[in-house]
N, C-alpha and C. Protein backbone atom coordinates (compact mmCIF):
# COMPACT_ATOMS: atom_id res chain seq x y z
N UNK A 1 -57.82 -218.62 0.77
CA UNK A 1 -57.00 -217.54 0.38
C UNK A 1 -57.27 -216.31 1.20
N UNK A 2 -57.38 -216.53 2.37
CA UNK A 2 -57.58 -215.37 3.24
C UNK A 2 -56.25 -215.02 3.87
N UNK A 3 -55.90 -213.83 3.71
CA UNK A 3 -54.65 -213.34 4.28
C UNK A 3 -55.00 -212.31 5.34
N UNK A 4 -54.20 -212.28 6.38
CA UNK A 4 -54.47 -211.29 7.42
C UNK A 4 -53.85 -209.97 7.02
N UNK A 5 -54.59 -208.94 7.27
CA UNK A 5 -54.11 -207.60 6.92
C UNK A 5 -53.03 -207.20 7.91
N UNK A 6 -52.04 -206.50 7.41
CA UNK A 6 -51.00 -206.06 8.33
C UNK A 6 -51.57 -205.07 9.35
N UNK A 7 -51.15 -205.20 10.57
CA UNK A 7 -51.66 -204.30 11.62
C UNK A 7 -50.80 -203.05 11.67
N UNK A 8 -51.44 -201.92 11.81
CA UNK A 8 -50.63 -200.69 11.93
C UNK A 8 -49.87 -200.69 13.25
N UNK A 9 -48.82 -199.91 13.29
CA UNK A 9 -47.97 -199.91 14.48
C UNK A 9 -48.70 -199.36 15.70
N UNK A 10 -49.71 -198.51 15.51
CA UNK A 10 -50.39 -197.92 16.66
C UNK A 10 -51.27 -198.93 17.38
N UNK A 11 -51.57 -200.06 16.75
CA UNK A 11 -52.42 -201.04 17.42
C UNK A 11 -51.61 -202.06 18.21
N UNK A 12 -50.31 -201.93 18.21
CA UNK A 12 -49.49 -202.84 18.99
C UNK A 12 -49.70 -202.57 20.48
N UNK A 13 -49.58 -203.57 21.28
CA UNK A 13 -49.72 -203.33 22.73
C UNK A 13 -48.60 -202.41 23.21
N UNK A 14 -48.99 -201.44 24.01
CA UNK A 14 -47.99 -200.49 24.51
C UNK A 14 -47.50 -200.93 25.87
N UNK A 15 -46.46 -200.30 26.30
CA UNK A 15 -45.88 -200.61 27.59
C UNK A 15 -46.80 -200.09 28.69
N UNK A 16 -47.04 -200.83 29.74
CA UNK A 16 -47.93 -200.37 30.80
C UNK A 16 -47.36 -199.13 31.51
N UNK A 17 -48.26 -198.31 32.00
CA UNK A 17 -47.85 -197.08 32.68
C UNK A 17 -47.34 -197.36 34.08
N UNK A 18 -46.49 -196.49 34.55
CA UNK A 18 -45.98 -196.49 35.92
C UNK A 18 -45.33 -197.80 36.33
N UNK A 19 -44.74 -198.47 35.41
CA UNK A 19 -43.98 -199.68 35.74
C UNK A 19 -44.84 -200.86 36.17
N UNK A 20 -46.13 -200.84 35.85
CA UNK A 20 -46.99 -201.97 36.21
C UNK A 20 -46.60 -203.17 35.37
N UNK A 21 -46.76 -204.35 35.95
CA UNK A 21 -46.38 -205.56 35.22
C UNK A 21 -47.60 -206.31 34.75
N UNK A 22 -47.45 -206.93 33.59
CA UNK A 22 -48.49 -207.82 33.10
C UNK A 22 -48.18 -209.22 33.60
N UNK A 23 -49.19 -210.04 33.68
CA UNK A 23 -48.98 -211.41 34.16
C UNK A 23 -48.01 -212.15 33.25
N UNK A 24 -47.12 -212.82 33.88
CA UNK A 24 -46.18 -213.65 33.14
C UNK A 24 -45.01 -212.90 32.54
N UNK A 25 -44.98 -211.59 32.69
CA UNK A 25 -43.89 -210.82 32.11
C UNK A 25 -42.98 -210.38 33.24
N UNK A 26 -41.73 -210.65 33.09
CA UNK A 26 -40.77 -210.26 34.13
C UNK A 26 -40.29 -208.85 33.83
N UNK A 27 -39.88 -208.18 34.83
CA UNK A 27 -39.37 -206.82 34.65
C UNK A 27 -40.17 -205.85 35.53
N UNK A 28 -40.27 -204.60 35.11
CA UNK A 28 -40.95 -203.60 35.92
C UNK A 28 -40.01 -203.04 36.97
N UNK A 29 -40.55 -202.25 37.87
CA UNK A 29 -39.72 -201.64 38.91
C UNK A 29 -39.46 -202.63 40.02
N UNK A 30 -38.31 -202.55 40.63
CA UNK A 30 -38.02 -203.44 41.75
C UNK A 30 -38.97 -203.19 42.92
N UNK A 31 -39.13 -204.19 43.72
CA UNK A 31 -40.04 -204.13 44.86
C UNK A 31 -39.64 -203.01 45.83
N UNK A 32 -38.37 -202.73 45.99
CA UNK A 32 -37.91 -201.69 46.91
C UNK A 32 -38.38 -200.30 46.46
N UNK A 33 -38.37 -200.05 45.15
CA UNK A 33 -38.81 -198.75 44.64
C UNK A 33 -40.30 -198.57 44.89
N UNK A 34 -41.08 -199.63 44.66
CA UNK A 34 -42.52 -199.54 44.94
C UNK A 34 -42.77 -199.32 46.42
N UNK A 35 -41.96 -199.92 47.27
CA UNK A 35 -42.12 -199.72 48.72
C UNK A 35 -41.83 -198.29 49.13
N UNK A 36 -40.80 -197.70 48.54
CA UNK A 36 -40.47 -196.30 48.83
C UNK A 36 -41.61 -195.38 48.36
N UNK A 37 -42.15 -195.66 47.18
CA UNK A 37 -43.26 -194.85 46.67
C UNK A 37 -44.47 -194.97 47.59
N UNK A 38 -44.75 -196.16 48.07
CA UNK A 38 -45.90 -196.37 48.96
C UNK A 38 -45.72 -195.61 50.27
N UNK A 39 -44.50 -195.66 50.82
CA UNK A 39 -44.23 -194.94 52.07
C UNK A 39 -44.35 -193.43 51.85
N UNK A 40 -43.85 -192.92 50.73
CA UNK A 40 -43.94 -191.49 50.43
C UNK A 40 -45.40 -191.06 50.30
N UNK A 41 -46.22 -191.85 49.62
CA UNK A 41 -47.64 -191.52 49.49
C UNK A 41 -48.34 -191.58 50.84
N UNK A 42 -48.00 -192.55 51.66
CA UNK A 42 -48.59 -192.67 52.99
C UNK A 42 -48.23 -191.46 53.85
N UNK A 43 -46.97 -191.03 53.81
CA UNK A 43 -46.54 -189.85 54.57
C UNK A 43 -47.25 -188.59 54.08
N UNK A 44 -47.41 -188.44 52.78
CA UNK A 44 -48.13 -187.29 52.23
C UNK A 44 -49.59 -187.29 52.71
N UNK A 45 -50.21 -188.46 52.74
CA UNK A 45 -51.59 -188.56 53.23
C UNK A 45 -51.72 -188.20 54.70
N UNK A 46 -50.77 -188.67 55.51
CA UNK A 46 -50.79 -188.34 56.94
C UNK A 46 -50.58 -186.85 57.15
N UNK A 47 -49.67 -186.24 56.39
CA UNK A 47 -49.42 -184.81 56.49
C UNK A 47 -50.68 -184.01 56.13
N UNK A 48 -51.37 -184.39 55.09
CA UNK A 48 -52.61 -183.71 54.71
C UNK A 48 -53.70 -183.88 55.77
N UNK A 49 -53.78 -185.04 56.37
CA UNK A 49 -54.78 -185.28 57.42
C UNK A 49 -54.49 -184.40 58.64
N UNK A 50 -53.23 -184.30 59.03
CA UNK A 50 -52.85 -183.45 60.17
C UNK A 50 -53.15 -181.99 59.87
N UNK A 51 -52.84 -181.53 58.67
CA UNK A 51 -53.11 -180.14 58.30
C UNK A 51 -54.62 -179.85 58.31
N UNK A 52 -55.42 -180.78 57.85
CA UNK A 52 -56.87 -180.60 57.84
C UNK A 52 -57.42 -180.50 59.26
N UNK A 53 -56.99 -181.40 60.14
CA UNK A 53 -57.45 -181.37 61.52
C UNK A 53 -57.02 -180.06 62.19
N UNK A 54 -55.79 -179.63 61.97
CA UNK A 54 -55.29 -178.39 62.54
C UNK A 54 -56.14 -177.20 62.08
N UNK A 55 -56.48 -177.14 60.82
CA UNK A 55 -57.28 -176.05 60.28
C UNK A 55 -58.68 -176.05 60.87
N UNK A 56 -59.29 -177.20 61.02
CA UNK A 56 -60.64 -177.30 61.59
C UNK A 56 -60.63 -176.85 63.05
N UNK A 57 -59.63 -177.27 63.81
CA UNK A 57 -59.54 -176.87 65.22
C UNK A 57 -59.33 -175.36 65.33
N UNK A 58 -58.48 -174.79 64.50
CA UNK A 58 -58.25 -173.34 64.52
C UNK A 58 -59.53 -172.58 64.21
N UNK A 59 -60.27 -173.03 63.20
CA UNK A 59 -61.55 -172.40 62.83
C UNK A 59 -62.54 -172.47 63.98
N UNK A 60 -62.60 -173.62 64.63
CA UNK A 60 -63.54 -173.80 65.73
C UNK A 60 -63.22 -172.86 66.88
N UNK A 61 -61.94 -172.73 67.23
CA UNK A 61 -61.56 -171.82 68.31
C UNK A 61 -61.85 -170.37 67.94
N UNK A 62 -61.62 -169.99 66.69
CA UNK A 62 -61.90 -168.63 66.25
C UNK A 62 -63.40 -168.34 66.33
N UNK A 63 -64.23 -169.26 65.87
CA UNK A 63 -65.68 -169.07 65.93
C UNK A 63 -66.15 -168.98 67.38
N UNK A 64 -65.61 -169.79 68.24
CA UNK A 64 -65.98 -169.76 69.67
C UNK A 64 -65.62 -168.40 70.26
N UNK A 65 -64.46 -167.87 69.91
CA UNK A 65 -64.02 -166.57 70.41
C UNK A 65 -64.92 -165.44 69.91
N UNK A 66 -65.31 -165.49 68.63
CA UNK A 66 -66.15 -164.43 68.08
C UNK A 66 -67.56 -164.44 68.69
N UNK A 67 -68.10 -165.62 68.94
CA UNK A 67 -69.41 -165.71 69.61
C UNK A 67 -69.30 -165.13 71.02
N UNK A 68 -68.22 -165.40 71.72
CA UNK A 68 -68.01 -164.84 73.05
C UNK A 68 -67.88 -163.32 72.99
N UNK A 69 -67.24 -162.79 71.95
CA UNK A 69 -67.12 -161.34 71.78
C UNK A 69 -68.50 -160.69 71.66
N UNK A 70 -69.36 -161.27 70.84
CA UNK A 70 -70.71 -160.73 70.66
C UNK A 70 -71.48 -160.78 71.98
N UNK A 71 -71.38 -161.89 72.68
CA UNK A 71 -72.07 -162.05 73.97
C UNK A 71 -71.56 -161.02 74.97
N UNK A 72 -70.26 -160.79 75.02
CA UNK A 72 -69.68 -159.82 75.95
C UNK A 72 -70.17 -158.42 75.64
N UNK A 73 -70.20 -158.03 74.36
CA UNK A 73 -70.67 -156.69 73.99
C UNK A 73 -72.11 -156.51 74.45
N UNK A 74 -72.93 -157.51 74.22
CA UNK A 74 -74.35 -157.42 74.62
C UNK A 74 -74.50 -157.33 76.14
N UNK A 75 -73.66 -158.04 76.90
CA UNK A 75 -73.74 -157.96 78.36
C UNK A 75 -73.30 -156.59 78.87
N UNK A 76 -72.22 -156.04 78.33
CA UNK A 76 -71.73 -154.74 78.78
C UNK A 76 -72.71 -153.62 78.44
N UNK A 77 -73.32 -153.66 77.27
CA UNK A 77 -74.18 -152.56 76.83
C UNK A 77 -75.63 -152.75 77.25
N UNK A 78 -76.05 -153.96 77.49
CA UNK A 78 -77.45 -154.23 77.80
C UNK A 78 -78.34 -154.23 76.58
N UNK A 79 -77.76 -154.10 75.40
CA UNK A 79 -78.51 -154.12 74.13
C UNK A 79 -78.35 -155.49 73.50
N UNK A 80 -79.43 -156.08 73.08
CA UNK A 80 -79.38 -157.40 72.46
C UNK A 80 -79.51 -157.29 70.94
N UNK A 81 -78.67 -156.43 70.36
CA UNK A 81 -78.69 -156.23 68.92
C UNK A 81 -78.00 -157.40 68.23
N UNK A 82 -78.43 -157.66 67.01
CA UNK A 82 -77.82 -158.75 66.24
C UNK A 82 -76.95 -158.21 65.11
N UNK A 83 -77.09 -156.94 64.78
CA UNK A 83 -76.29 -156.35 63.70
C UNK A 83 -75.04 -155.69 64.28
N UNK A 84 -74.13 -156.49 64.77
CA UNK A 84 -72.87 -156.00 65.31
C UNK A 84 -71.76 -156.26 64.30
N UNK A 85 -70.77 -155.41 64.35
CA UNK A 85 -69.63 -155.54 63.43
C UNK A 85 -68.43 -156.03 64.24
N UNK A 86 -67.85 -157.16 63.85
CA UNK A 86 -66.69 -157.71 64.54
C UNK A 86 -65.48 -157.63 63.60
N UNK A 87 -64.41 -157.03 64.10
CA UNK A 87 -63.16 -156.93 63.32
C UNK A 87 -62.08 -157.73 64.04
N UNK A 88 -61.42 -158.60 63.29
CA UNK A 88 -60.32 -159.38 63.86
C UNK A 88 -59.00 -158.73 63.50
N UNK A 89 -58.02 -158.88 64.38
CA UNK A 89 -56.68 -158.35 64.13
C UNK A 89 -55.90 -159.38 63.33
N UNK A 90 -56.04 -159.35 62.01
CA UNK A 90 -55.37 -160.33 61.17
C UNK A 90 -53.96 -159.88 60.78
N UNK A 91 -53.66 -158.60 60.98
CA UNK A 91 -52.33 -158.10 60.60
C UNK A 91 -51.24 -158.68 61.50
N UNK A 92 -51.53 -158.81 62.78
CA UNK A 92 -50.50 -159.30 63.70
C UNK A 92 -50.83 -160.68 64.27
N UNK A 93 -51.89 -161.32 63.77
CA UNK A 93 -52.28 -162.67 64.20
C UNK A 93 -52.45 -162.77 65.71
N UNK A 94 -53.14 -161.80 66.32
CA UNK A 94 -53.43 -161.87 67.74
C UNK A 94 -54.90 -162.24 67.93
N UNK A 95 -55.31 -162.39 69.17
CA UNK A 95 -56.72 -162.67 69.46
C UNK A 95 -57.43 -161.39 69.88
N UNK A 96 -56.91 -160.26 69.48
CA UNK A 96 -57.54 -158.96 69.77
C UNK A 96 -58.62 -158.71 68.73
N UNK A 97 -59.86 -158.56 69.20
CA UNK A 97 -61.00 -158.31 68.32
C UNK A 97 -61.69 -157.03 68.75
N UNK A 98 -62.32 -156.34 67.79
CA UNK A 98 -63.07 -155.12 68.07
C UNK A 98 -64.51 -155.37 67.65
N UNK A 99 -65.44 -155.13 68.59
CA UNK A 99 -66.88 -155.30 68.31
C UNK A 99 -67.52 -153.92 68.39
N UNK A 100 -68.22 -153.53 67.30
CA UNK A 100 -68.90 -152.24 67.25
C UNK A 100 -70.39 -152.45 67.04
N UNK A 101 -71.19 -151.62 67.71
CA UNK A 101 -72.63 -151.68 67.55
C UNK A 101 -73.27 -150.38 67.96
N UNK A 102 -74.49 -150.15 67.51
CA UNK A 102 -75.21 -148.92 67.82
C UNK A 102 -75.47 -148.80 69.32
N UNK A 103 -75.50 -147.54 69.80
CA UNK A 103 -75.84 -147.31 71.21
C UNK A 103 -77.34 -147.16 71.41
N UNK A 104 -78.08 -146.99 70.33
CA UNK A 104 -79.54 -146.92 70.40
C UNK A 104 -80.11 -147.66 69.20
N UNK A 105 -81.38 -148.07 69.27
CA UNK A 105 -81.96 -148.86 68.17
C UNK A 105 -81.90 -148.12 66.84
N UNK A 106 -81.65 -148.86 65.78
CA UNK A 106 -81.57 -148.32 64.43
C UNK A 106 -80.83 -149.28 63.54
N UNK A 107 -80.76 -148.94 62.27
CA UNK A 107 -80.03 -149.78 61.33
C UNK A 107 -78.54 -149.76 61.62
N UNK A 108 -77.81 -150.73 61.04
CA UNK A 108 -76.36 -150.76 61.26
C UNK A 108 -75.70 -149.44 60.86
N UNK A 109 -74.90 -148.90 61.77
CA UNK A 109 -74.13 -147.67 61.58
C UNK A 109 -75.01 -146.44 61.36
N UNK A 110 -76.28 -146.50 61.75
CA UNK A 110 -77.17 -145.34 61.61
C UNK A 110 -77.19 -144.49 62.86
N UNK A 111 -76.65 -144.96 63.95
CA UNK A 111 -76.61 -144.23 65.22
C UNK A 111 -75.16 -144.18 65.70
N UNK A 112 -74.93 -143.48 66.81
CA UNK A 112 -73.60 -143.47 67.42
C UNK A 112 -73.26 -144.91 67.80
N UNK A 113 -72.02 -145.32 67.51
CA UNK A 113 -71.60 -146.69 67.77
C UNK A 113 -70.62 -146.76 68.93
N UNK A 114 -70.72 -147.81 69.69
CA UNK A 114 -69.77 -148.11 70.75
C UNK A 114 -68.92 -149.28 70.29
N UNK A 115 -67.62 -149.08 70.25
CA UNK A 115 -66.69 -150.14 69.86
C UNK A 115 -65.91 -150.57 71.10
N UNK A 116 -65.81 -151.87 71.30
CA UNK A 116 -65.08 -152.41 72.44
C UNK A 116 -63.98 -153.34 71.96
N UNK A 117 -62.82 -153.23 72.59
CA UNK A 117 -61.67 -154.08 72.27
C UNK A 117 -61.71 -155.29 73.19
N UNK A 118 -61.82 -156.47 72.60
CA UNK A 118 -61.89 -157.72 73.37
C UNK A 118 -60.55 -158.44 73.28
N UNK A 119 -60.04 -158.86 74.44
CA UNK A 119 -58.77 -159.60 74.47
C UNK A 119 -58.89 -160.72 75.49
N UNK A 120 -57.90 -161.59 75.48
CA UNK A 120 -57.83 -162.65 76.48
C UNK A 120 -58.62 -163.89 76.09
N UNK A 121 -58.60 -164.88 76.97
CA UNK A 121 -59.28 -166.15 76.69
C UNK A 121 -60.78 -166.05 76.94
N UNK A 122 -61.51 -167.02 76.41
CA UNK A 122 -62.95 -167.12 76.65
C UNK A 122 -63.14 -167.81 78.00
N UNK A 123 -63.86 -167.13 78.91
CA UNK A 123 -64.16 -167.69 80.23
C UNK A 123 -65.66 -167.55 80.44
N UNK A 124 -66.33 -168.65 80.64
CA UNK A 124 -67.78 -168.67 80.84
C UNK A 124 -68.52 -168.00 79.68
N UNK A 125 -68.03 -168.18 78.47
CA UNK A 125 -68.71 -167.63 77.29
C UNK A 125 -68.49 -166.15 77.08
N UNK A 126 -67.55 -165.54 77.82
CA UNK A 126 -67.27 -164.11 77.68
C UNK A 126 -65.77 -163.87 77.59
N UNK A 127 -65.44 -162.67 77.10
CA UNK A 127 -64.04 -162.22 77.09
C UNK A 127 -63.97 -160.87 77.77
N UNK A 128 -62.78 -160.42 78.07
CA UNK A 128 -62.60 -159.13 78.73
C UNK A 128 -62.62 -158.00 77.73
N UNK A 129 -63.38 -156.98 78.05
CA UNK A 129 -63.36 -155.75 77.25
C UNK A 129 -62.36 -154.82 77.92
N UNK A 130 -61.24 -154.62 77.28
CA UNK A 130 -60.14 -153.85 77.88
C UNK A 130 -60.21 -152.36 77.58
N UNK A 131 -61.02 -151.99 76.62
CA UNK A 131 -61.12 -150.57 76.27
C UNK A 131 -62.02 -150.42 75.07
N UNK A 132 -62.05 -149.20 74.54
CA UNK A 132 -62.87 -148.98 73.36
C UNK A 132 -62.99 -147.51 73.02
N UNK A 133 -63.97 -147.19 72.18
CA UNK A 133 -64.20 -145.83 71.71
C UNK A 133 -65.59 -145.72 71.12
N UNK A 134 -65.95 -144.50 70.78
CA UNK A 134 -67.23 -144.25 70.12
C UNK A 134 -66.98 -143.80 68.69
N UNK A 135 -67.95 -144.06 67.83
CA UNK A 135 -67.89 -143.63 66.43
C UNK A 135 -69.17 -142.86 66.11
N UNK A 136 -69.08 -141.80 65.31
CA UNK A 136 -70.29 -141.09 64.90
C UNK A 136 -71.12 -141.94 63.94
N UNK A 137 -72.40 -141.57 63.72
CA UNK A 137 -73.23 -142.32 62.77
C UNK A 137 -72.61 -142.35 61.37
N UNK A 138 -72.83 -143.44 60.69
CA UNK A 138 -72.40 -143.65 59.30
C UNK A 138 -70.89 -143.57 59.11
N UNK A 139 -70.13 -143.82 60.15
CA UNK A 139 -68.66 -143.77 60.06
C UNK A 139 -68.09 -145.18 60.15
N UNK A 140 -67.03 -145.39 59.40
CA UNK A 140 -66.29 -146.65 59.48
C UNK A 140 -65.40 -146.63 60.70
N UNK A 141 -64.93 -147.80 61.10
CA UNK A 141 -64.04 -147.89 62.25
C UNK A 141 -62.63 -147.53 61.82
N UNK A 142 -62.43 -146.24 61.56
CA UNK A 142 -61.10 -145.72 61.21
C UNK A 142 -60.66 -144.77 62.32
N UNK A 143 -59.37 -144.68 62.55
CA UNK A 143 -58.84 -143.88 63.65
C UNK A 143 -59.32 -142.44 63.60
N UNK A 144 -59.46 -141.85 62.45
CA UNK A 144 -59.82 -140.43 62.34
C UNK A 144 -61.24 -140.14 62.82
N UNK A 145 -62.12 -141.15 62.88
CA UNK A 145 -63.50 -140.95 63.33
C UNK A 145 -63.71 -141.25 64.81
N UNK A 146 -62.76 -141.86 65.46
CA UNK A 146 -62.92 -142.29 66.85
C UNK A 146 -62.89 -141.11 67.81
N UNK A 147 -63.67 -141.23 68.89
CA UNK A 147 -63.62 -140.23 69.95
C UNK A 147 -64.00 -140.88 71.27
N UNK A 148 -63.70 -140.19 72.37
CA UNK A 148 -64.01 -140.64 73.74
C UNK A 148 -63.44 -142.03 74.02
N UNK A 149 -62.17 -142.21 73.74
CA UNK A 149 -61.52 -143.50 74.03
C UNK A 149 -61.50 -143.75 75.53
N UNK A 150 -61.53 -145.02 75.91
CA UNK A 150 -61.44 -145.40 77.31
C UNK A 150 -60.64 -146.69 77.41
N UNK A 151 -60.11 -146.94 78.62
CA UNK A 151 -59.33 -148.16 78.87
C UNK A 151 -58.01 -148.17 78.11
N UNK A 152 -57.65 -149.35 77.61
CA UNK A 152 -56.37 -149.49 76.91
C UNK A 152 -56.33 -148.68 75.61
N UNK A 153 -57.48 -148.43 75.01
CA UNK A 153 -57.50 -147.62 73.78
C UNK A 153 -57.04 -146.21 74.08
N UNK A 154 -57.41 -145.67 75.25
CA UNK A 154 -56.96 -144.33 75.64
C UNK A 154 -55.47 -144.33 75.94
N UNK A 155 -55.01 -145.37 76.64
CA UNK A 155 -53.58 -145.49 76.98
C UNK A 155 -52.72 -145.61 75.74
N UNK A 156 -53.24 -146.28 74.71
CA UNK A 156 -52.48 -146.49 73.48
C UNK A 156 -52.73 -145.40 72.44
N UNK A 157 -53.45 -144.37 72.82
CA UNK A 157 -53.74 -143.21 71.94
C UNK A 157 -54.34 -143.63 70.62
N UNK A 158 -55.40 -144.43 70.67
CA UNK A 158 -56.05 -144.89 69.45
C UNK A 158 -57.12 -143.94 68.96
N UNK A 159 -57.34 -142.83 69.68
CA UNK A 159 -58.29 -141.80 69.24
C UNK A 159 -57.51 -140.53 68.94
N UNK A 160 -57.85 -139.82 67.86
CA UNK A 160 -57.13 -138.59 67.54
C UNK A 160 -57.55 -137.41 68.43
N UNK A 161 -58.75 -137.48 69.01
CA UNK A 161 -59.26 -136.35 69.81
C UNK A 161 -59.05 -136.59 71.28
C-alpha cells in the first residue's frame, strides 16, 4: 500500500537554456542559427584581440617616447636628475611633450625650472627639443608663470613676458 506522493510542479524537468538539446529529443534551434551565433562570437573575439594588441602597441610607443624625452632633457641640460615632470599634449592627441626640471640641485619645483618642448620621432633614444621656457620656484607649468621663452615657444608666444 505504498502510494507515490504527487510531485510539485516546480520539480518537473524544465526546458534547457539557450536552445540546447537533450539526447533523444528532437527540436531546438536549427543548425544554421547555431552557426550564425558561432560566427558572431568568433568575430567579436577577433575584434577584442585586435583592440587589445592595438592598445598595447600604442602604450609601448608612448612609453618609449617619454623615456626618450627624459633622456633628451638630461643631455641638453647636463643634469642627471630623476625628478622630472613630463606633460603630454592629450588635448589635441599630438606627440608634443613638455619636460620640466630644476636648473640646480634641490627638491622637485624648489628651484628655477627649465621646461623643454619635445616633438618629432625618437631617433637614437632622443627627440628634438624645439623650444621651451623657464619657471620660477614652486610654480606650476601655467602660462602666467613662464618667462624667457626660446625656440618655437617664443615664436608661438607661449610666455606672457
